[in-house]
PDB file of N, CA and C in Angstrom:
ATOM      1  N   UNK A   1     183.302 242.016 126.455  1.00  0.00           N
ATOM      2  CA  UNK A   1     183.982 240.875 125.888  1.00  0.00           C
ATOM      3  C   UNK A   1     184.741 241.333 124.641  1.00  0.00           C
ATOM      4  N   UNK A   2     185.899 240.703 124.407  1.00  0.00           N
ATOM      5  CA  UNK A   2     186.678 240.996 123.206  1.00  0.00           C
ATOM      6  C   UNK A   2     186.938 239.709 122.436  1.00  0.00           C
ATOM      7  N   UNK A   3     186.838 239.809 121.115  1.00  0.00           N
ATOM      8  CA  UNK A   3     187.160 238.693 120.238  1.00  0.00           C
ATOM      9  C   UNK A   3     188.230 239.150 119.256  1.00  0.00           C
ATOM     10  N   UNK A   4     189.104 238.228 118.877  1.00  0.00           N
ATOM     11  CA  UNK A   4     190.181 238.549 117.944  1.00  0.00           C
ATOM     12  C   UNK A   4     190.035 237.701 116.690  1.00  0.00           C
ATOM     13  N   UNK A   5     190.457 238.273 115.563  1.00  0.00           N
ATOM     14  CA  UNK A   5     190.409 237.576 114.293  1.00  0.00           C
ATOM     15  C   UNK A   5     191.726 237.791 113.553  1.00  0.00           C
ATOM     16  N   UNK A   6     192.468 236.725 113.210  1.00  0.00           N
ATOM     17  CA  UNK A   6     193.674 236.871 112.392  1.00  0.00           C
ATOM     18  C   UNK A   6     193.237 237.390 111.024  1.00  0.00           C
ATOM     19  N   UNK A   7     193.855 238.475 110.574  1.00  0.00           N
ATOM     20  CA  UNK A   7     193.301 239.210 109.438  1.00  0.00           C
ATOM     21  C   UNK A   7     194.309 239.483 108.332  1.00  0.00           C
ATOM     22  N   UNK A   8     193.764 239.624 107.131  1.00  0.00           N
ATOM     23  CA  UNK A   8     194.511 240.044 105.949  1.00  0.00           C
ATOM     24  C   UNK A   8     193.495 240.700 105.012  1.00  0.00           C
ATOM     25  N   UNK A   9     193.700 241.971 104.719  1.00  0.00           N
ATOM     26  CA  UNK A   9     192.828 242.712 103.795  1.00  0.00           C
ATOM     27  C   UNK A   9     191.348 242.637 104.195  1.00  0.00           C
ATOM     28  N   UNK A  10     191.077 242.809 105.494  1.00  0.00           N
ATOM     29  CA  UNK A  10     189.721 242.813 106.055  1.00  0.00           C
ATOM     30  C   UNK A  10     188.993 241.481 105.933  1.00  0.00           C
ATOM     31  N   UNK A  11     189.763 240.408 105.754  1.00  0.00           N
ATOM     32  CA  UNK A  11     189.222 239.052 105.704  1.00  0.00           C
ATOM     33  C   UNK A  11     189.927 238.207 106.761  1.00  0.00           C
ATOM     34  N   UNK A  12     189.290 237.097 107.156  1.00  0.00           N
ATOM     35  CA  UNK A  12     189.966 236.137 108.015  1.00  0.00           C
ATOM     36  C   UNK A  12     191.149 235.584 107.237  1.00  0.00           C
ATOM     37  N   UNK A  13     192.330 235.605 107.836  1.00  0.00           N
ATOM     38  CA  UNK A  13     193.501 235.020 107.192  1.00  0.00           C
ATOM     39  C   UNK A  13     193.377 233.500 107.261  1.00  0.00           C
ATOM     40  N   UNK A  14     193.832 232.824 106.212  1.00  0.00           N
ATOM     41  CA  UNK A  14     193.737 231.362 106.160  1.00  0.00           C
ATOM     42  C   UNK A  14     194.524 230.672 107.261  1.00  0.00           C
ATOM     43  N   UNK A  15     195.576 231.303 107.748  1.00  0.00           N
ATOM     44  CA  UNK A  15     196.418 230.636 108.733  1.00  0.00           C
ATOM     45  C   UNK A  15     196.828 231.612 109.825  1.00  0.00           C
ATOM     46  N   UNK A  16     196.453 231.311 111.029  1.00  0.00           N
ATOM     47  CA  UNK A  16     196.695 232.139 112.203  1.00  0.00           C
ATOM     48  C   UNK A  16     198.135 232.629 112.322  1.00  0.00           C
ATOM     49  N   UNK A  17     199.100 231.742 112.174  1.00  0.00           N
ATOM     50  CA  UNK A  17     200.506 232.065 112.413  1.00  0.00           C
ATOM     51  C   UNK A  17     201.153 232.948 111.371  1.00  0.00           C
ATOM     52  N   UNK A  18     200.454 233.205 110.278  1.00  0.00           N
ATOM     53  CA  UNK A  18     201.030 234.015 109.207  1.00  0.00           C
ATOM     54  C   UNK A  18     200.147 235.199 108.829  1.00  0.00           C
ATOM     55  N   UNK A  19     199.270 235.601 109.729  1.00  0.00           N
ATOM     56  CA  UNK A  19     198.342 236.683 109.389  1.00  0.00           C
ATOM     57  C   UNK A  19     199.082 238.024 109.281  1.00  0.00           C
ATOM     58  N   UNK A  20     198.455 238.938 108.569  1.00  0.00           N
ATOM     59  CA  UNK A  20     199.021 240.276 108.375  1.00  0.00           C
ATOM     60  C   UNK A  20     198.871 241.124 109.646  1.00  0.00           C
ATOM     61  N   UNK A  21     197.727 240.980 110.322  1.00  0.00           N
ATOM     62  CA  UNK A  21     197.435 241.716 111.549  1.00  0.00           C
ATOM     63  C   UNK A  21     196.273 241.023 112.257  1.00  0.00           C
ATOM     64  N   UNK A  22     195.981 241.421 113.478  1.00  0.00           N
ATOM     65  CA  UNK A  22     194.831 240.917 114.220  1.00  0.00           C
ATOM     66  C   UNK A  22     193.819 242.043 114.358  1.00  0.00           C
ATOM     67  N   UNK A  23     192.569 241.714 114.141  1.00  0.00           N
ATOM     68  CA  UNK A  23     191.479 242.640 114.397  1.00  0.00           C
ATOM     69  C   UNK A  23     190.832 242.220 115.708  1.00  0.00           C
ATOM     70  N   UNK A  24     190.668 243.175 116.616  1.00  0.00           N
ATOM     71  CA  UNK A  24     190.060 242.895 117.915  1.00  0.00           C
ATOM     72  C   UNK A  24     188.777 243.716 118.018  1.00  0.00           C
ATOM     73  N   UNK A  25     187.665 243.007 118.160  1.00  0.00           N
ATOM     74  CA  UNK A  25     186.367 243.652 118.321  1.00  0.00           C
ATOM     75  C   UNK A  25     185.966 243.603 119.794  1.00  0.00           C
ATOM     76  N   UNK A  26     185.489 244.721 120.297  1.00  0.00           N
ATOM     77  CA  UNK A  26     184.874 244.759 121.622  1.00  0.00           C
ATOM     78  C   UNK A  26     183.376 244.571 121.415  1.00  0.00           C
ATOM     79  N   UNK A  27     182.810 243.641 122.176  1.00  0.00           N
ATOM     80  CA  UNK A  27     181.400 243.290 122.044  1.00  0.00           C
ATOM     81  C   UNK A  27     180.664 243.737 123.302  1.00  0.00           C
ATOM     82  N   UNK A  28     179.535 244.397 123.092  1.00  0.00           N
ATOM     83  CA  UNK A  28     178.667 244.774 124.205  1.00  0.00           C
ATOM     84  C   UNK A  28     177.232 244.567 123.743  1.00  0.00           C
ATOM     85  N   UNK A  29     176.447 243.900 124.553  1.00  0.00           N
ATOM     86  CA  UNK A  29     175.042 243.647 124.241  1.00  0.00           C
ATOM     87  C   UNK A  29     174.900 243.005 122.861  1.00  0.00           C
ATOM     88  N   UNK A  30     175.779 242.030 122.576  1.00  0.00           N
ATOM     89  CA  UNK A  30     175.770 241.250 121.333  1.00  0.00           C
ATOM     90  C   UNK A  30     176.003 242.086 120.069  1.00  0.00           C
ATOM     91  N   UNK A  31     176.670 243.236 120.235  1.00  0.00           N
ATOM     92  CA  UNK A  31     177.002 244.099 119.096  1.00  0.00           C
ATOM     93  C   UNK A  31     178.456 244.534 119.177  1.00  0.00           C
ATOM     94  N   UNK A  32     179.058 244.761 118.016  1.00  0.00           N
ATOM     95  CA  UNK A  32     180.421 245.281 117.950  1.00  0.00           C
ATOM     96  C   UNK A  32     180.373 246.765 118.284  1.00  0.00           C
ATOM     97  N   UNK A  33     181.110 247.171 119.335  1.00  0.00           N
ATOM     98  CA  UNK A  33     181.098 248.570 119.745  1.00  0.00           C
ATOM     99  C   UNK A  33     182.454 249.252 119.530  1.00  0.00           C
ATOM    100  N   UNK A  34     183.495 248.461 119.273  1.00  0.00           N
ATOM    101  CA  UNK A  34     184.824 249.047 119.034  1.00  0.00           C
ATOM    102  C   UNK A  34     185.658 248.066 118.221  1.00  0.00           C
ATOM    103  N   UNK A  35     186.583 248.617 117.440  1.00  0.00           N
ATOM    104  CA  UNK A  35     187.489 247.805 116.635  1.00  0.00           C
ATOM    105  C   UNK A  35     188.905 248.330 116.796  1.00  0.00           C
ATOM    106  N   UNK A  36     189.851 247.424 117.082  1.00  0.00           N
ATOM    107  CA  UNK A  36     191.268 247.763 117.181  1.00  0.00           C
ATOM    108  C   UNK A  36     192.044 246.874 116.223  1.00  0.00           C
ATOM    109  N   UNK A  37     193.192 247.364 115.773  1.00  0.00           N
ATOM    110  CA  UNK A  37     194.084 246.570 114.947  1.00  0.00           C
ATOM    111  C   UNK A  37     195.389 246.387 115.687  1.00  0.00           C
ATOM    112  N   UNK A  38     195.851 245.147 115.733  1.00  0.00           N
ATOM    113  CA  UNK A  38     197.081 244.785 116.415  1.00  0.00           C
ATOM    114  C   UNK A  38     198.034 244.184 115.389  1.00  0.00           C
ATOM    115  N   UNK A  39     199.256 244.701 115.279  1.00  0.00           N
ATOM    116  CA  UNK A  39     200.200 244.119 114.311  1.00  0.00           C
ATOM    117  C   UNK A  39     200.437 242.647 114.605  1.00  0.00           C
ATOM    118  N   UNK A  40     200.692 241.899 113.553  1.00  0.00           N
ATOM    119  CA  UNK A  40     200.998 240.483 113.695  1.00  0.00           C
ATOM    120  C   UNK A  40     202.309 240.307 114.435  1.00  0.00           C
ATOM    121  N   UNK A  41     202.407 239.216 115.166  1.00  0.00           N
ATOM    122  CA  UNK A  41     203.641 238.897 115.876  1.00  0.00           C
ATOM    123  C   UNK A  41     204.657 238.334 114.890  1.00  0.00           C
ATOM    124  N   UNK A  42     205.919 238.459 115.223  1.00  0.00           N
ATOM    125  CA  UNK A  42     206.981 237.926 114.390  1.00  0.00           C
ATOM    126  C   UNK A  42     207.183 236.458 114.725  1.00  0.00           C
ATOM    127  N   UNK A  43     207.305 235.644 113.705  1.00  0.00           N
ATOM    128  CA  UNK A  43     207.573 234.229 113.916  1.00  0.00           C
ATOM    129  C   UNK A  43     206.319 233.397 113.979  1.00  0.00           C
ATOM    130  N   UNK A  44     206.497 232.143 114.238  1.00  0.00           N
ATOM    131  CA  UNK A  44     205.421 231.167 114.328  1.00  0.00           C
ATOM    132  C   UNK A  44     204.394 231.607 115.370  1.00  0.00           C
ATOM    133  N   UNK A  45     203.123 231.480 115.053  1.00  0.00           N
ATOM    134  CA  UNK A  45     202.066 231.929 115.947  1.00  0.00           C
ATOM    135  C   UNK A  45     202.123 231.335 117.335  1.00  0.00           C
ATOM    136  N   UNK A  46     202.460 230.036 117.441  1.00  0.00           N
ATOM    137  CA  UNK A  46     202.439 229.391 118.752  1.00  0.00           C
ATOM    138  C   UNK A  46     203.616 229.791 119.630  1.00  0.00           C
ATOM    139  N   UNK A  47     204.674 230.322 119.038  1.00  0.00           N
ATOM    140  CA  UNK A  47     205.864 230.702 119.809  1.00  0.00           C
ATOM    141  C   UNK A  47     206.090 232.214 119.845  1.00  0.00           C
ATOM    142  N   UNK A  48     205.163 232.970 119.292  1.00  0.00           N
ATOM    143  CA  UNK A  48     205.370 234.406 119.114  1.00  0.00           C
ATOM    144  C   UNK A  48     205.035 235.261 120.323  1.00  0.00           C
ATOM    145  N   UNK A  49     204.286 234.740 121.268  1.00  0.00           N
ATOM    146  CA  UNK A  49     203.846 235.538 122.406  1.00  0.00           C
ATOM    147  C   UNK A  49     202.526 236.241 122.164  1.00  0.00           C
ATOM    148  N   UNK A  50     201.915 236.034 120.992  1.00  0.00           N
ATOM    149  CA  UNK A  50     200.674 236.729 120.676  1.00  0.00           C
ATOM    150  C   UNK A  50     199.532 236.292 121.603  1.00  0.00           C
ATOM    151  N   UNK A  51     199.550 235.054 122.068  1.00  0.00           N
ATOM    152  CA  UNK A  51     198.482 234.596 122.976  1.00  0.00           C
ATOM    153  C   UNK A  51     198.464 235.430 124.248  1.00  0.00           C
ATOM    154  N   UNK A  52     199.629 235.669 124.826  1.00  0.00           N
ATOM    155  CA  UNK A  52     199.698 236.491 126.044  1.00  0.00           C
ATOM    156  C   UNK A  52     199.278 237.923 125.764  1.00  0.00           C
ATOM    157  N   UNK A  53     199.684 238.452 124.619  1.00  0.00           N
ATOM    158  CA  UNK A  53     199.307 239.822 124.250  1.00  0.00           C
ATOM    159  C   UNK A  53     197.796 239.941 124.114  1.00  0.00           C
ATOM    160  N   UNK A  54     197.174 238.992 123.419  1.00  0.00           N
ATOM    161  CA  UNK A  54     195.719 239.016 123.254  1.00  0.00           C
ATOM    162  C   UNK A  54     195.013 238.862 124.598  1.00  0.00           C
ATOM    163  N   UNK A  55     195.509 237.938 125.428  1.00  0.00           N
ATOM    164  CA  UNK A  55     194.908 237.740 126.750  1.00  0.00           C
ATOM    165  C   UNK A  55     195.022 239.006 127.597  1.00  0.00           C
ATOM    166  N   UNK A  56     196.166 239.669 127.537  1.00  0.00           N
ATOM    167  CA  UNK A  56     196.361 240.911 128.287  1.00  0.00           C
ATOM    168  C   UNK A  56     195.406 242.009 127.826  1.00  0.00           C
ATOM    169  N   UNK A  57     194.993 241.958 126.555  1.00  0.00           N
ATOM    170  CA  UNK A  57     194.030 242.923 126.024  1.00  0.00           C
ATOM    171  C   UNK A  57     192.599 242.592 126.445  1.00  0.00           C
ATOM    172  N   UNK A  58     192.409 241.405 127.023  1.00  0.00           N
ATOM    173  CA  UNK A  58     191.070 240.993 127.432  1.00  0.00           C
ATOM    174  C   UNK A  58     190.344 240.135 126.421  1.00  0.00           C
ATOM    175  N   UNK A  59     191.057 239.636 125.415  1.00  0.00           N
ATOM    176  CA  UNK A  59     190.439 238.775 124.398  1.00  0.00           C
ATOM    177  C   UNK A  59     190.100 237.429 125.032  1.00  0.00           C
ATOM    178  N   UNK A  60     188.875 236.971 124.806  1.00  0.00           N
ATOM    179  CA  UNK A  60     188.469 235.677 125.345  1.00  0.00           C
ATOM    180  C   UNK A  60     188.116 234.661 124.260  1.00  0.00           C
ATOM    181  N   UNK A  61     187.986 235.120 123.000  1.00  0.00           N
ATOM    182  CA  UNK A  61     187.653 234.235 121.882  1.00  0.00           C
ATOM    183  C   UNK A  61     188.481 234.637 120.673  1.00  0.00           C
ATOM    184  N   UNK A  62     188.985 233.634 119.931  1.00  0.00           N
ATOM    185  CA  UNK A  62     189.696 233.872 118.682  1.00  0.00           C
ATOM    186  C   UNK A  62     188.954 233.137 117.587  1.00  0.00           C
ATOM    187  N   UNK A  63     188.501 233.880 116.575  1.00  0.00           N
ATOM    188  CA  UNK A  63     187.829 233.305 115.411  1.00  0.00           C
ATOM    189  C   UNK A  63     188.862 233.214 114.301  1.00  0.00           C
ATOM    190  N   UNK A  64     189.193 231.995 113.862  1.00  0.00           N
ATOM    191  CA  UNK A  64     190.319 231.806 112.944  1.00  0.00           C
ATOM    192  C   UNK A  64     189.955 230.897 111.789  1.00  0.00           C
ATOM    193  N   UNK A  65     190.839 230.911 110.798  1.00  0.00           N
ATOM    194  CA  UNK A  65     190.736 229.970 109.695  1.00  0.00           C
ATOM    195  C   UNK A  65     191.285 228.640 110.157  1.00  0.00           C
ATOM    196  N   UNK A  66     192.583 228.452 109.997  1.00  0.00           N
ATOM    197  CA  UNK A  66     193.240 227.211 110.389  1.00  0.00           C
ATOM    198  C   UNK A  66     194.422 227.510 111.289  1.00  0.00           C
ATOM    199  N   UNK A  67     194.806 226.526 112.082  1.00  0.00           N
ATOM    200  CA  UNK A  67     195.990 226.641 112.928  1.00  0.00           C
ATOM    201  C   UNK A  67     196.381 225.264 113.428  1.00  0.00           C
ATOM    202  N   UNK A  68     197.603 225.162 113.880  1.00  0.00           N
ATOM    203  CA  UNK A  68     198.103 223.907 114.397  1.00  0.00           C
ATOM    204  C   UNK A  68     197.773 223.705 115.861  1.00  0.00           C
ATOM    205  N   UNK A  69     198.045 222.487 116.326  1.00  0.00           N
ATOM    206  CA  UNK A  69     197.797 222.133 117.727  1.00  0.00           C
ATOM    207  C   UNK A  69     198.552 223.034 118.695  1.00  0.00           C
ATOM    208  N   UNK A  70     199.806 223.374 118.353  1.00  0.00           N
ATOM    209  CA  UNK A  70     200.612 224.201 119.245  1.00  0.00           C
ATOM    210  C   UNK A  70     199.954 225.537 119.517  1.00  0.00           C
ATOM    211  N   UNK A  71     199.469 226.183 118.469  1.00  0.00           N
ATOM    212  CA  UNK A  71     198.811 227.476 118.631  1.00  0.00           C
ATOM    213  C   UNK A  71     197.515 227.340 119.422  1.00  0.00           C
ATOM    214  N   UNK A  72     196.734 226.303 119.123  1.00  0.00           N
ATOM    215  CA  UNK A  72     195.483 226.083 119.864  1.00  0.00           C
ATOM    216  C   UNK A  72     195.781 225.908 121.350  1.00  0.00           C
ATOM    217  N   UNK A  73     196.774 225.084 121.661  1.00  0.00           N
ATOM    218  CA  UNK A  73     197.122 224.830 123.061  1.00  0.00           C
ATOM    219  C   UNK A  73     197.582 226.085 123.781  1.00  0.00           C
ATOM    220  N   UNK A  74     198.441 226.880 123.121  1.00  0.00           N
ATOM    221  CA  UNK A  74     198.951 228.104 123.740  1.00  0.00           C
ATOM    222  C   UNK A  74     197.812 229.095 123.981  1.00  0.00           C
ATOM    223  N   UNK A  75     196.927 229.243 123.015  1.00  0.00           N
ATOM    224  CA  UNK A  75     195.795 230.155 123.174  1.00  0.00           C
ATOM    225  C   UNK A  75     194.868 229.692 124.295  1.00  0.00           C
ATOM    226  N   UNK A  76     194.566 228.399 124.318  1.00  0.00           N
ATOM    227  CA  UNK A  76     193.682 227.878 125.366  1.00  0.00           C
ATOM    228  C   UNK A  76     194.311 228.028 126.747  1.00  0.00           C
ATOM    229  N   UNK A  77     195.620 227.817 126.846  1.00  0.00           N
ATOM    230  CA  UNK A  77     196.301 228.005 128.129  1.00  0.00           C
ATOM    231  C   UNK A  77     196.248 229.456 128.583  1.00  0.00           C
ATOM    232  N   UNK A  78     196.140 230.381 127.627  1.00  0.00           N
ATOM    233  CA  UNK A  78     196.025 231.803 127.956  1.00  0.00           C
ATOM    234  C   UNK A  78     194.581 232.202 128.254  1.00  0.00           C
ATOM    235  N   UNK A  79     193.670 231.220 128.221  1.00  0.00           N
ATOM    236  CA  UNK A  79     192.264 231.500 128.528  1.00  0.00           C
ATOM    237  C   UNK A  79     191.456 231.974 127.337  1.00  0.00           C
ATOM    238  N   UNK A  80     191.951 231.710 126.123  1.00  0.00           N
ATOM    239  CA  UNK A  80     191.265 232.153 124.907  1.00  0.00           C
ATOM    240  C   UNK A  80     190.633 230.947 124.230  1.00  0.00           C
ATOM    241  N   UNK A  81     189.325 231.005 124.025  1.00  0.00           N
ATOM    242  CA  UNK A  81     188.599 229.944 123.320  1.00  0.00           C
ATOM    243  C   UNK A  81     188.876 230.087 121.826  1.00  0.00           C
ATOM    244  N   UNK A  82     189.181 228.984 121.162  1.00  0.00           N
ATOM    245  CA  UNK A  82     189.531 228.996 119.746  1.00  0.00           C
ATOM    246  C   UNK A  82     188.389 228.409 118.916  1.00  0.00           C
ATOM    247  N   UNK A  83     187.970 229.161 117.901  1.00  0.00           N
ATOM    248  CA  UNK A  83     186.961 228.710 116.956  1.00  0.00           C
ATOM    249  C   UNK A  83     187.629 228.683 115.576  1.00  0.00           C
ATOM    250  N   UNK A  84     187.862 227.468 115.046  1.00  0.00           N
ATOM    251  CA  UNK A  84     188.521 227.310 113.742  1.00  0.00           C
ATOM    252  C   UNK A  84     187.500 227.096 112.638  1.00  0.00           C
ATOM    253  N   UNK A  85     187.952 227.268 111.392  1.00  0.00           N
ATOM    254  CA  UNK A  85     187.100 227.029 110.241  1.00  0.00           C
ATOM    255  C   UNK A  85     186.372 228.257 109.744  1.00  0.00           C
ATOM    256  N   UNK A  86     186.752 229.435 110.232  1.00  0.00           N
ATOM    257  CA  UNK A  86     186.107 230.682 109.819  1.00  0.00           C
ATOM    258  C   UNK A  86     186.742 231.202 108.525  1.00  0.00           C
ATOM    259  N   UNK A  87     185.944 231.880 107.726  1.00  0.00           N
ATOM    260  CA  UNK A  87     186.472 232.519 106.513  1.00  0.00           C
ATOM    261  C   UNK A  87     185.545 233.652 106.104  1.00  0.00           C
ATOM    262  N   UNK A  88     186.122 234.603 105.372  1.00  0.00           N
ATOM    263  CA  UNK A  88     185.309 235.695 104.852  1.00  0.00           C
ATOM    264  C   UNK A  88     185.567 237.022 105.532  1.00  0.00           C
ATOM    265  N   UNK A  89     184.647 237.942 105.301  1.00  0.00           N
ATOM    266  CA  UNK A  89     184.710 239.301 105.826  1.00  0.00           C
ATOM    267  C   UNK A  89     184.695 239.299 107.348  1.00  0.00           C
ATOM    268  N   UNK A  90     185.582 240.092 107.948  1.00  0.00           N
ATOM    269  CA  UNK A  90     185.736 240.114 109.403  1.00  0.00           C
ATOM    270  C   UNK A  90     184.433 240.420 110.136  1.00  0.00           C
ATOM    271  N   UNK A  91     183.740 241.476 109.709  1.00  0.00           N
ATOM    272  CA  UNK A  91     182.502 241.866 110.394  1.00  0.00           C
ATOM    273  C   UNK A  91     181.421 240.798 110.236  1.00  0.00           C
ATOM    274  N   UNK A  92     181.341 240.200 109.048  1.00  0.00           N
ATOM    275  CA  UNK A  92     180.337 239.163 108.819  1.00  0.00           C
ATOM    276  C   UNK A  92     180.619 237.930 109.677  1.00  0.00           C
ATOM    277  N   UNK A  93     181.895 237.529 109.765  1.00  0.00           N
ATOM    278  CA  UNK A  93     182.258 236.378 110.588  1.00  0.00           C
ATOM    279  C   UNK A  93     181.931 236.658 112.054  1.00  0.00           C
ATOM    280  N   UNK A  94     182.299 237.830 112.543  1.00  0.00           N
ATOM    281  CA  UNK A  94     182.012 238.178 113.938  1.00  0.00           C
ATOM    282  C   UNK A  94     180.508 238.158 114.195  1.00  0.00           C
ATOM    283  N   UNK A  95     179.737 238.706 113.281  1.00  0.00           N
ATOM    284  CA  UNK A  95     178.288 238.736 113.472  1.00  0.00           C
ATOM    285  C   UNK A  95     177.689 237.332 113.439  1.00  0.00           C
ATOM    286  N   UNK A  96     178.184 236.485 112.544  1.00  0.00           N
ATOM    287  CA  UNK A  96     177.702 235.095 112.499  1.00  0.00           C
ATOM    288  C   UNK A  96     178.017 234.381 113.810  1.00  0.00           C
ATOM    289  N   UNK A  97     179.199 234.628 114.362  1.00  0.00           N
ATOM    290  CA  UNK A  97     179.544 234.009 115.646  1.00  0.00           C
ATOM    291  C   UNK A  97     178.623 234.534 116.750  1.00  0.00           C
ATOM    292  N   UNK A  98     178.376 235.832 116.753  1.00  0.00           N
ATOM    293  CA  UNK A  98     177.478 236.406 117.753  1.00  0.00           C
ATOM    294  C   UNK A  98     176.067 235.836 117.639  1.00  0.00           C
ATOM    295  N   UNK A  99     175.653 235.515 116.415  1.00  0.00           N
ATOM    296  CA  UNK A  99     174.326 234.945 116.183  1.00  0.00           C
ATOM    297  C   UNK A  99     174.274 233.445 116.469  1.00  0.00           C
ATOM    298  N   UNK A 100     175.441 232.845 116.775  1.00  0.00           N
ATOM    299  CA  UNK A 100     175.480 231.424 117.093  1.00  0.00           C
ATOM    300  C   UNK A 100     175.556 230.499 115.898  1.00  0.00           C
ATOM    301  N   UNK A 101     175.865 231.039 114.710  1.00  0.00           N
ATOM    302  CA  UNK A 101     175.881 230.191 113.522  1.00  0.00           C
ATOM    303  C   UNK A 101     177.275 229.699 113.139  1.00  0.00           C
ATOM    304  N   UNK A 102     178.285 229.966 113.976  1.00  0.00           N
ATOM    305  CA  UNK A 102     179.636 229.463 113.722  1.00  0.00           C
ATOM    306  C   UNK A 102     180.078 228.639 114.931  1.00  0.00           C
ATOM    307  N   UNK A 103     180.565 227.433 114.664  1.00  0.00           N
ATOM    308  CA  UNK A 103     181.135 226.586 115.699  1.00  0.00           C
ATOM    309  C   UNK A 103     182.516 226.129 115.251  1.00  0.00           C
ATOM    310  N   UNK A 104     183.292 225.629 116.165  1.00  0.00           N
ATOM    311  CA  UNK A 104     184.656 225.198 115.883  1.00  0.00           C
ATOM    312  C   UNK A 104     184.651 223.989 114.943  1.00  0.00           C
ATOM    313  N   UNK A 105     185.409 224.100 113.841  1.00  0.00           N
ATOM    314  CA  UNK A 105     185.504 222.993 112.887  1.00  0.00           C
ATOM    315  C   UNK A 105     186.384 221.865 113.422  1.00  0.00           C
ATOM    316  N   UNK A 106     187.222 222.175 114.401  1.00  0.00           N
ATOM    317  CA  UNK A 106     188.165 221.230 114.998  1.00  0.00           C
ATOM    318  C   UNK A 106     189.200 220.709 114.002  1.00  0.00           C
ATOM    319  N   UNK A 107     189.334 221.357 112.846  1.00  0.00           N
ATOM    320  CA  UNK A 107     190.356 220.977 111.868  1.00  0.00           C
ATOM    321  C   UNK A 107     191.685 221.528 112.341  1.00  0.00           C
ATOM    322  N   UNK A 108     192.706 220.675 112.366  1.00  0.00           N
ATOM    323  CA  UNK A 108     194.029 221.058 112.835  1.00  0.00           C
ATOM    324  C   UNK A 108     195.026 220.957 111.692  1.00  0.00           C
ATOM    325  N   UNK A 109     195.818 222.005 111.518  1.00  0.00           N
ATOM    326  CA  UNK A 109     196.893 221.967 110.533  1.00  0.00           C
ATOM    327  C   UNK A 109     198.083 221.233 111.137  1.00  0.00           C
ATOM    328  N   UNK A 110     198.736 220.443 110.316  1.00  0.00           N
ATOM    329  CA  UNK A 110     199.922 219.715 110.766  1.00  0.00           C
ATOM    330  C   UNK A 110     201.190 220.219 110.095  1.00  0.00           C
ATOM    331  N   UNK A 111     201.047 221.222 109.208  1.00  0.00           N
ATOM    332  CA  UNK A 111     202.189 221.815 108.508  1.00  0.00           C
ATOM    333  C   UNK A 111     202.008 223.309 108.491  1.00  0.00           C
ATOM    334  N   UNK A 112     203.111 224.036 108.348  1.00  0.00           N
ATOM    335  CA  UNK A 112     203.044 225.502 108.323  1.00  0.00           C
ATOM    336  C   UNK A 112     202.330 226.038 107.093  1.00  0.00           C
ATOM    337  N   UNK A 113     202.268 225.272 106.004  1.00  0.00           N
ATOM    338  CA  UNK A 113     201.609 225.782 104.806  1.00  0.00           C
ATOM    339  C   UNK A 113     200.216 225.185 104.616  1.00  0.00           C
ATOM    340  N   UNK A 114     199.635 224.687 105.677  1.00  0.00           N
ATOM    341  CA  UNK A 114     198.307 224.068 105.638  1.00  0.00           C
ATOM    342  C   UNK A 114     197.248 225.127 105.330  1.00  0.00           C
ATOM    343  N   UNK A 115     196.365 224.809 104.390  1.00  0.00           N
ATOM    344  CA  UNK A 115     195.236 225.700 104.066  1.00  0.00           C
ATOM    345  C   UNK A 115     193.995 224.875 103.840  1.00  0.00           C
ATOM    346  N   UNK A 116     193.700 223.937 104.744  1.00  0.00           N
ATOM    347  CA  UNK A 116     192.527 223.076 104.595  1.00  0.00           C
ATOM    348  C   UNK A 116     191.260 223.866 104.678  1.00  0.00           C
TER     349      UNK A 116
END
């Protein structure tokens, strides 16, 4: 299984569509076994094509800070489950999700500069 995290300086980026890069963790037996870095897509996250790129890499879950409905819909259509409301160190967030202590906040941004 692979999970992706919109990233900036080894932290979850506050907003999916403006992240510096994506960190993709490969998970095996509930542990991180590999880490890849994927450059951020150009333009708005929901129109950038990043959902297809992540899906093609085998990503099935995206752990994110905030994002709009458009991005959530595009990711879900690509077969990627979206978990919003994440923040902090990438490895810690991934481990908390693996331990079952992170669930989707369901908070949706309605503006490009949203940082709820």
